[in-house]
């Protein structure tokens, strides 16, 4: 596919994006008190001004108990005016805006949420924290939480919502045979392990209506023993496609609970990551750090082999994610039948990379895959090789 075609308008459900490049969800750490801040607006304004077709706000917890870290944005009616300011800032730069919604599930932090972490089944994380099996009432309430959060975002004018079904978060914990040991209607067979994801997609679609695009960030592989593999996740993707509630899938792998580097690839910032942990968890991390964060060499487009299996089996639009730093990779992905690509770290390093690729001034990112941006998420996500912006805008726009 030619450069002209990469930067031509493209349809995504009810939307028309100005090009085929999406700013992937990279938790910003800029939603102090779970609200919209000036810094959050500036962050996404910069991505939009840099040329992406759509930018993704991450990570929006569907309830206070669904947070995995302090200060995650929780969409609720009283935030609609501030969310509209965020939407307007992105629209003014010519881009669409997407919001990733999810529930941290077993990644949940009781010190943050004030409630116990939940998952499909009970268990322990590699760092020794415990998560607890959800009751059916918990499941039903959480499905409603997803719908309510999506409705707030639709009211605020978001063009799209992205349901987080990956990275060992709650929905992924139901999909995965590693984390789902239930023997009721929410576990066991592929259809039962897929039920929670399908019910959430159905509820979100009903909440936002036909004018908002609905995507899902879908786990292909957990990257852990006895976890989800393509053989497990591809049938789930086919069920989601048959249901017809989603406009696209964005494919991913690995996750925060057991193997984060399976997602990121490249250098492993163990020392920097350990410094972000509560002091009580640092001794455990010292013991299991190398096992929790093993090294995977960076290769361009590293999820492509797995994603190609989904592309061959599905007809719905697919967003390719994972180590996309070169214009040539984008062109080849689109030629191979992928509809969009998502870029994360490359745009943290160079927010204007898309415009420079369009104009012929760049053919690839200068990101070196050091992954030291990962531990910055709690103080304002940024590339450590670039002077971070001043953060007076971390103040929230409104006080409840």
Protein backbone atom coordinates (compact mmCIF):
# COMPACT_ATOMS: atom_id res chain seq x y z
CA UNK A 1 0.00 0.00 0.00
CA UNK A 2 1.31 3.43 -0.90
CA UNK A 3 2.02 6.30 1.47
CA UNK A 4 -0.93 8.15 -0.04
CA UNK A 5 -3.26 5.29 0.90
CA UNK A 6 -1.92 5.15 4.47
CA UNK A 7 -2.87 8.80 4.93
CA UNK A 8 -6.19 8.70 3.09
CA UNK A 9 -9.50 8.79 5.02
CA UNK A 10 -10.75 5.38 6.20
CA UNK A 11 -13.99 4.12 7.71
CA UNK A 12 -14.23 2.61 11.18
CA UNK A 13 -17.81 1.62 11.91
CA UNK A 14 -19.79 4.89 11.88
CA UNK A 15 -16.60 6.99 11.80
CA UNK A 16 -14.35 8.26 9.06
CA UNK A 17 -10.80 8.72 10.32
CA UNK A 18 -8.43 10.99 8.43
CA UNK A 19 -5.85 8.21 8.17
CA UNK A 20 -5.17 4.66 9.29
CA UNK A 21 -2.93 5.36 12.29
CA UNK A 22 -4.36 5.24 15.83
CA UNK A 23 -2.64 6.46 18.97
CA UNK A 24 -2.73 3.34 21.16
CA UNK A 25 -3.86 3.48 24.77
CA UNK A 26 -0.88 4.31 27.00
CA UNK A 27 -2.03 5.10 30.53
CA UNK A 28 -1.27 8.78 31.00
CA UNK A 29 -1.14 9.10 34.80
CA UNK A 30 -2.73 12.52 34.40
CA UNK A 31 -6.21 11.98 35.85
CA UNK A 32 -5.61 13.24 39.37
CA UNK A 33 -8.49 12.24 41.67
CA UNK A 34 -9.97 10.30 38.75
CA UNK A 35 -10.86 13.46 36.85
CA UNK A 36 -9.89 15.34 33.71
CA UNK A 37 -6.82 17.55 34.03
CA UNK A 38 -5.30 20.20 31.79
CA UNK A 39 -2.31 17.89 31.34
CA UNK A 40 -4.55 15.11 30.03
CA UNK A 41 -6.09 17.50 27.53
CA UNK A 42 -2.66 18.75 26.44
CA UNK A 43 -1.39 15.19 26.04
CA UNK A 44 -4.14 14.19 23.64
CA UNK A 45 -4.17 17.55 21.88
CA UNK A 46 -0.48 16.95 21.07
CA UNK A 47 -1.20 13.47 19.69
CA UNK A 48 -4.02 14.87 17.55
CA UNK A 49 -1.92 17.79 16.33
CA UNK A 50 0.82 15.27 15.50
CA UNK A 51 -1.39 13.71 12.86
CA UNK A 52 -3.01 10.52 14.16
CA UNK A 53 -6.43 9.59 12.84
CA UNK A 54 -7.64 8.84 16.38
CA UNK A 55 -6.15 9.13 19.86
CA UNK A 56 -7.08 6.82 22.73
CA UNK A 57 -7.59 7.96 26.33
CA UNK A 58 -6.43 5.30 28.76
CA UNK A 59 -7.15 3.72 31.14
CA UNK A 60 -10.74 4.59 32.14
CA UNK A 61 -12.01 2.38 34.96
CA UNK A 62 -15.72 1.58 34.78
CA UNK A 63 -16.07 1.89 38.55
CA UNK A 64 -13.94 3.02 41.51
CA UNK A 65 -13.41 -0.65 42.38
CA UNK A 66 -12.16 -1.32 38.85
CA UNK A 67 -9.08 0.86 39.20
CA UNK A 68 -5.63 -0.66 39.11
CA UNK A 69 -3.68 2.47 39.98
CA UNK A 70 -4.27 5.78 41.72
CA UNK A 71 -5.93 8.59 39.81
CA UNK A 72 -7.39 6.56 36.97
CA UNK A 73 -10.22 8.32 35.21
CA UNK A 74 -13.65 6.98 36.17
CA UNK A 75 -16.31 8.25 33.71
CA UNK A 76 -19.36 9.55 35.58
CA UNK A 77 -22.06 12.12 34.81
CA UNK A 78 -20.52 14.99 36.76
CA UNK A 79 -17.40 14.81 34.57
CA UNK A 80 -19.26 15.28 31.27
CA UNK A 81 -18.46 19.03 30.96
CA UNK A 82 -14.73 18.41 31.44
CA UNK A 83 -14.76 15.37 29.17
CA UNK A 84 -16.35 17.56 26.50
CA UNK A 85 -13.41 19.94 26.79
CA UNK A 86 -11.06 17.03 26.16
CA UNK A 87 -13.12 15.92 23.15
CA UNK A 88 -13.22 19.45 21.73
CA UNK A 89 -9.44 19.86 22.03
CA UNK A 90 -8.86 16.71 19.96
CA UNK A 91 -11.56 17.53 17.42
CA UNK A 92 -10.10 21.00 16.95
CA UNK A 93 -6.89 19.33 15.75
CA UNK A 94 -8.77 17.18 13.22
CA UNK A 95 -8.59 13.81 14.97
CA UNK A 96 -11.20 11.48 16.47
CA UNK A 97 -11.09 10.50 20.13
CA UNK A 98 -11.48 7.06 21.66
CA UNK A 99 -11.70 6.08 25.34
CA UNK A 100 -10.49 2.72 26.63
CA UNK A 101 -12.80 1.37 29.34
CA UNK A 102 -12.05 -1.56 31.57
CA UNK A 103 -11.93 -3.17 34.99
CA UNK A 104 -8.53 -4.05 36.41
CA UNK A 105 -9.80 -7.28 37.94
CA UNK A 106 -6.88 -9.25 39.40
CA UNK A 107 -4.58 -6.27 38.81
CA UNK A 108 -6.75 -4.28 41.23
CA UNK A 109 -5.09 -2.68 44.20
CA UNK A 110 -7.03 -2.73 47.48
CA UNK A 111 -4.89 0.16 48.79
CA UNK A 112 -6.18 2.23 45.87
CA UNK A 113 -9.78 1.08 45.61
CA UNK A 114 -10.61 0.24 49.21
CA UNK A 115 -12.07 -3.06 48.04
CA UNK A 116 -10.63 -6.49 47.30
CA UNK A 117 -9.31 -7.30 43.85
CA UNK A 118 -11.63 -9.53 41.83
CA UNK A 119 -11.28 -11.97 38.94
CA UNK A 120 -13.02 -14.93 37.37
CA UNK A 121 -11.46 -17.17 40.03
CA UNK A 122 -9.42 -16.64 43.17
CA UNK A 123 -5.63 -16.67 43.07
CA UNK A 124 -2.35 -14.94 43.85
CA UNK A 125 -0.26 -12.64 41.67
CA UNK A 126 3.48 -13.31 41.24
CA UNK A 127 4.09 -10.54 43.79
CA UNK A 128 1.93 -12.30 46.39
CA UNK A 129 -1.20 -10.14 46.27
CA UNK A 130 -4.52 -12.00 46.33
CA UNK A 131 -7.54 -11.65 44.09
CA UNK A 132 -10.98 -13.14 44.68
CA UNK A 133 -13.60 -14.91 42.59
CA UNK A 134 -16.56 -12.77 41.56
CA UNK A 135 -20.10 -13.79 42.42
CA UNK A 136 -22.75 -13.82 39.71
CA UNK A 137 -24.16 -10.65 41.24
CA UNK A 138 -20.69 -9.04 40.97
CA UNK A 139 -20.52 -10.05 37.31
CA UNK A 140 -23.93 -8.64 36.48
CA UNK A 141 -23.21 -5.40 38.31
CA UNK A 142 -19.91 -4.99 36.46
CA UNK A 143 -21.56 -5.47 33.07
CA UNK A 144 -23.86 -2.60 34.02
CA UNK A 145 -20.82 -0.56 35.08
CA UNK A 146 -19.32 -0.99 31.61
CA UNK A 147 -22.56 0.17 30.01
CA UNK A 148 -22.87 3.18 32.32
CA UNK A 149 -19.29 4.31 31.71
CA UNK A 150 -19.74 3.98 27.96
CA UNK A 151 -22.96 5.99 28.10
CA UNK A 152 -21.19 8.84 29.91
CA UNK A 153 -18.46 8.91 27.27
CA UNK A 154 -21.02 8.91 24.46
CA UNK A 155 -22.83 11.82 26.12
CA UNK A 156 -19.53 13.68 26.32
CA UNK A 157 -19.05 13.32 22.57
CA UNK A 158 -16.41 10.60 22.30
CA UNK A 159 -16.27 9.09 18.84
CA UNK A 160 -15.37 5.60 20.05
CA UNK A 161 -15.00 3.41 23.10
CA UNK A 162 -12.53 0.55 23.38
CA UNK A 163 -13.37 -2.33 25.72
CA UNK A 164 -10.26 -3.65 27.45
CA UNK A 165 -10.25 -7.44 27.02
CA UNK A 166 -6.52 -7.97 27.45
CA UNK A 167 -3.45 -7.74 29.66
CA UNK A 168 -4.76 -10.06 32.41
CA UNK A 169 -7.42 -7.51 33.38
CA UNK A 170 -10.91 -8.62 34.42
CA UNK A 171 -12.40 -9.64 31.07
CA UNK A 172 -9.18 -11.41 30.11
CA UNK A 173 -9.32 -13.32 33.40
CA UNK A 174 -12.65 -14.81 32.30
CA UNK A 175 -11.37 -15.66 28.82
CA UNK A 176 -8.17 -17.34 30.01
CA UNK A 177 -8.01 -21.01 31.09
CA UNK A 178 -5.11 -20.02 33.37
CA UNK A 179 -7.19 -17.57 35.40
CA UNK A 180 -10.73 -18.95 34.98
CA UNK A 181 -11.36 -22.12 36.99
CA UNK A 182 -15.12 -21.65 37.34
CA UNK A 183 -17.54 -24.52 36.81
CA UNK A 184 -20.68 -22.43 36.34
CA UNK A 185 -22.09 -20.71 33.24
CA UNK A 186 -19.15 -18.25 33.27
CA UNK A 187 -16.34 -20.80 32.96
CA UNK A 188 -15.27 -24.10 31.47
CA UNK A 189 -15.89 -24.28 27.74
CA UNK A 190 -14.75 -21.65 25.27
CA UNK A 191 -18.31 -20.38 24.95
CA UNK A 192 -18.66 -20.00 28.71
CA UNK A 193 -15.28 -18.33 29.14
CA UNK A 194 -16.26 -15.93 26.35
CA UNK A 195 -19.64 -15.12 27.87
CA UNK A 196 -18.51 -12.20 30.03
CA UNK A 197 -16.71 -10.51 27.10
CA UNK A 198 -19.74 -10.98 24.87
CA UNK A 199 -22.19 -9.66 27.44
CA UNK A 200 -20.03 -6.59 28.04
CA UNK A 201 -19.78 -5.90 24.29
CA UNK A 202 -23.56 -6.24 23.96
CA UNK A 203 -24.22 -3.91 26.88
CA UNK A 204 -21.74 -1.28 25.68
CA UNK A 205 -23.17 -1.28 22.18
CA UNK A 206 -26.69 -0.83 23.56
CA UNK A 207 -25.48 2.02 25.77
CA UNK A 208 -23.75 4.07 23.06
CA UNK A 209 -26.01 3.38 20.10
CA UNK A 210 -25.04 3.20 16.42
CA UNK A 211 -23.22 6.53 16.10
CA UNK A 212 -20.26 5.62 18.37
CA UNK A 213 -17.66 3.08 17.25
CA UNK A 214 -17.05 0.18 19.65
CA UNK A 215 -13.69 -1.60 19.59
CA UNK A 216 -12.24 -4.30 21.77
CA UNK A 217 -8.61 -4.72 22.76
CA UNK A 218 -8.46 -8.50 22.59
CA UNK A 219 -5.87 -10.78 24.17
CA UNK A 220 -4.34 -13.22 21.69
CA UNK A 221 -1.91 -14.85 24.12
CA UNK A 222 -1.38 -14.46 27.86
CA UNK A 223 2.31 -15.25 27.58
CA UNK A 224 2.18 -17.50 30.67
CA UNK A 225 2.04 -21.29 31.13
CA UNK A 226 -1.47 -22.74 30.73
CA UNK A 227 -2.70 -19.32 29.69
CA UNK A 228 -4.68 -18.12 26.71
CA UNK A 229 -3.19 -19.00 23.32
CA UNK A 230 -4.30 -18.22 19.78
CA UNK A 231 -6.05 -21.59 19.76
CA UNK A 232 -8.19 -20.33 22.66
CA UNK A 233 -8.63 -16.69 21.69
CA UNK A 234 -9.39 -17.06 17.99
CA UNK A 235 -12.70 -18.91 18.63
CA UNK A 236 -13.61 -16.16 21.12
CA UNK A 237 -12.89 -13.55 18.44
CA UNK A 238 -15.14 -15.45 16.04
CA UNK A 239 -17.96 -15.43 18.60
CA UNK A 240 -17.53 -11.69 19.12
CA UNK A 241 -17.59 -11.12 15.37
CA UNK A 242 -20.75 -13.21 14.97
CA UNK A 243 -22.49 -11.21 17.71
CA UNK A 244 -22.05 -8.05 15.63
CA UNK A 245 -21.62 -5.58 18.49
CA UNK A 246 -18.03 -4.56 17.68
CA UNK A 247 -16.67 -2.43 14.87
CA UNK A 248 -13.06 -3.61 15.18
CA UNK A 249 -10.61 -5.69 17.20
CA UNK A 250 -7.21 -4.44 18.34
CA UNK A 251 -5.01 -7.46 19.02
CA UNK A 252 -2.59 -7.67 21.92
CA UNK A 253 -0.87 -10.09 24.32
CA UNK A 254 0.78 -10.47 27.71
CA UNK A 255 -0.17 -8.36 30.67
CA UNK A 256 0.36 -6.70 33.99
CA UNK A 257 -0.46 -9.59 36.29
CA UNK A 258 2.13 -12.11 35.20
CA UNK A 259 4.21 -11.10 32.17
CA UNK A 260 4.24 -7.41 31.16
CA UNK A 261 7.30 -7.66 28.92
CA UNK A 262 5.49 -10.06 26.60
CA UNK A 263 3.54 -6.99 25.54
CA UNK A 264 6.37 -4.46 25.40
CA UNK A 265 9.51 -6.29 24.15
CA UNK A 266 12.94 -4.69 24.25
CA UNK A 267 14.93 -3.57 27.29
CA UNK A 268 13.60 -4.49 30.75
CA UNK A 269 13.49 -1.55 33.22
CA UNK A 270 13.40 -3.69 36.39
CA UNK A 271 15.19 -1.17 38.60
CA UNK A 272 12.91 1.67 37.55
CA UNK A 273 9.80 -0.51 37.89
CA UNK A 274 10.79 -1.67 41.38
CA UNK A 275 11.06 1.96 42.48
CA UNK A 276 7.37 2.50 41.67
CA UNK A 277 6.20 -0.34 43.94
CA UNK A 278 5.05 0.12 47.53
CA UNK A 279 7.90 -0.60 49.90
CA UNK A 280 6.14 -3.69 51.21
CA UNK A 281 6.26 -5.32 47.74
CA UNK A 282 9.86 -4.52 46.87
CA UNK A 283 11.42 -7.53 48.66
CA UNK A 284 9.08 -9.86 46.76
CA UNK A 285 9.95 -8.15 43.48
CA UNK A 286 13.65 -8.57 44.19
CA UNK A 287 13.06 -12.32 44.41
CA UNK A 288 10.79 -12.73 41.38
CA UNK A 289 11.70 -9.71 39.23
CA UNK A 290 13.55 -11.60 36.52
CA UNK A 291 10.82 -14.19 36.30
CA UNK A 292 8.04 -11.58 36.41
CA UNK A 293 9.73 -9.41 33.78
CA UNK A 294 11.68 -11.72 31.45
CA UNK A 295 13.40 -10.25 28.42
CA UNK A 296 11.94 -10.49 24.92
CA UNK A 297 14.09 -8.94 22.19
CA UNK A 298 12.36 -6.20 20.24
CA UNK A 299 11.47 -7.01 16.67
CA UNK A 300 9.48 -4.78 14.35
CA UNK A 301 5.78 -5.69 14.28
CA UNK A 302 6.27 -8.49 16.81
CA UNK A 303 2.60 -9.47 17.09
CA UNK A 304 2.22 -9.84 13.33
CA UNK A 305 2.56 -13.67 13.11
CA UNK A 306 -0.24 -14.22 15.64
CA UNK A 307 -2.38 -11.40 14.27
CA UNK A 308 -2.19 -12.81 10.74
CA UNK A 309 -4.07 -15.89 11.96
CA UNK A 310 -6.91 -13.64 13.09
CA UNK A 311 -6.82 -11.71 9.83
CA UNK A 312 -7.20 -14.93 7.87
CA UNK A 313 -10.10 -16.19 9.99
CA UNK A 314 -12.12 -12.98 10.46
CA UNK A 315 -13.79 -10.52 8.12
CA UNK A 316 -14.24 -7.67 10.63
CA UNK A 317 -11.76 -4.77 10.79
CA UNK A 318 -8.56 -5.44 12.73
CA UNK A 319 -6.10 -2.96 14.25
CA UNK A 320 -2.51 -4.23 14.30
CA UNK A 321 -0.54 -3.37 17.44
CA UNK A 322 2.93 -4.19 18.69
CA UNK A 323 6.27 -2.67 17.82
CA UNK A 324 5.20 -0.65 14.81
CA UNK A 325 7.83 2.03 14.27
CA UNK A 326 8.37 2.14 10.49
CA UNK A 327 6.26 3.52 7.65
CA UNK A 328 7.18 0.44 5.63
CA UNK A 329 5.63 -1.77 8.35
CA UNK A 330 2.41 0.24 8.24
CA UNK A 331 2.26 -0.05 4.47
CA UNK A 332 2.85 -3.80 4.57
CA UNK A 333 0.29 -4.36 7.34
CA UNK A 334 -2.39 -2.58 5.34
CA UNK A 335 -1.40 -4.48 2.20
CA UNK A 336 -1.80 -7.71 4.19
CA UNK A 337 -5.39 -6.82 5.01
CA UNK A 338 -5.17 -5.06 8.36
CA UNK A 339 -7.39 -2.02 8.46
CA UNK A 340 -5.50 0.20 10.92
CA UNK A 341 -2.31 0.19 12.97
CA UNK A 342 -1.87 1.41 16.55
CA UNK A 343 1.32 3.08 17.77
CA UNK A 344 2.26 3.73 21.40
CA UNK A 345 5.88 4.21 22.45
CA UNK A 346 6.88 5.67 19.09
CA UNK A 347 4.41 8.52 19.62
CA UNK A 348 5.55 9.10 23.19
CA UNK A 349 9.01 9.74 21.77
CA UNK A 350 7.76 11.77 18.79
CA UNK A 351 4.17 13.02 19.03
CA UNK A 352 4.46 14.55 15.53
CA UNK A 353 5.79 11.37 13.91
CA UNK A 354 2.64 10.75 11.85
CA UNK A 355 2.76 14.19 10.25
CA UNK A 356 6.45 13.78 9.51
CA UNK A 357 5.84 10.40 7.89
CA UNK A 358 3.03 11.90 5.82
CA UNK A 359 5.22 14.77 4.69
CA UNK A 360 8.21 12.56 3.84
CA UNK A 361 10.38 13.91 6.65
CA UNK A 362 10.58 10.57 8.52
CA UNK A 363 10.33 6.90 7.65
CA UNK A 364 10.65 5.44 11.14
CA UNK A 365 10.61 6.33 14.82
CA UNK A 366 13.77 7.08 16.78
CA UNK A 367 12.37 5.17 19.81
CA UNK A 368 15.10 2.86 21.15
CA UNK A 369 12.70 0.51 23.02
CA UNK A 370 14.38 1.12 26.37
CA UNK A 371 10.87 0.86 27.95
CA UNK A 372 11.76 3.35 30.66
CA UNK A 373 8.52 5.11 29.77
CA UNK A 374 6.69 2.23 31.49
CA UNK A 375 7.53 3.23 35.08
CA UNK A 376 6.63 6.89 34.42
CA UNK A 377 2.90 6.15 34.23
CA UNK A 378 2.26 7.15 37.85
CA UNK A 379 3.78 10.62 37.48
CA UNK A 380 2.75 11.57 33.95
CA UNK A 381 3.62 9.15 31.14
CA UNK A 382 6.46 10.36 28.94
CA UNK A 383 9.60 9.31 27.11
CA UNK A 384 12.52 9.70 29.53
CA UNK A 385 14.80 10.70 26.65
CA UNK A 386 12.69 13.77 26.00
CA UNK A 387 12.50 16.64 28.44
CA UNK A 388 9.13 16.13 30.17
CA UNK A 389 6.70 19.03 29.98
CA UNK A 390 5.89 21.09 33.01
CA UNK A 391 2.95 19.55 34.87
CA UNK A 392 1.04 22.43 36.46
CA UNK A 393 -1.88 21.21 34.40
CA UNK A 394 -2.20 18.10 36.54
CA UNK A 395 -4.75 20.05 38.54
CA UNK A 396 -8.25 18.83 37.79
CA UNK A 397 -10.63 21.11 35.95
CA UNK A 398 -13.56 20.76 38.34
CA UNK A 399 -13.99 19.97 42.01
CA UNK A 400 -16.95 17.77 42.91
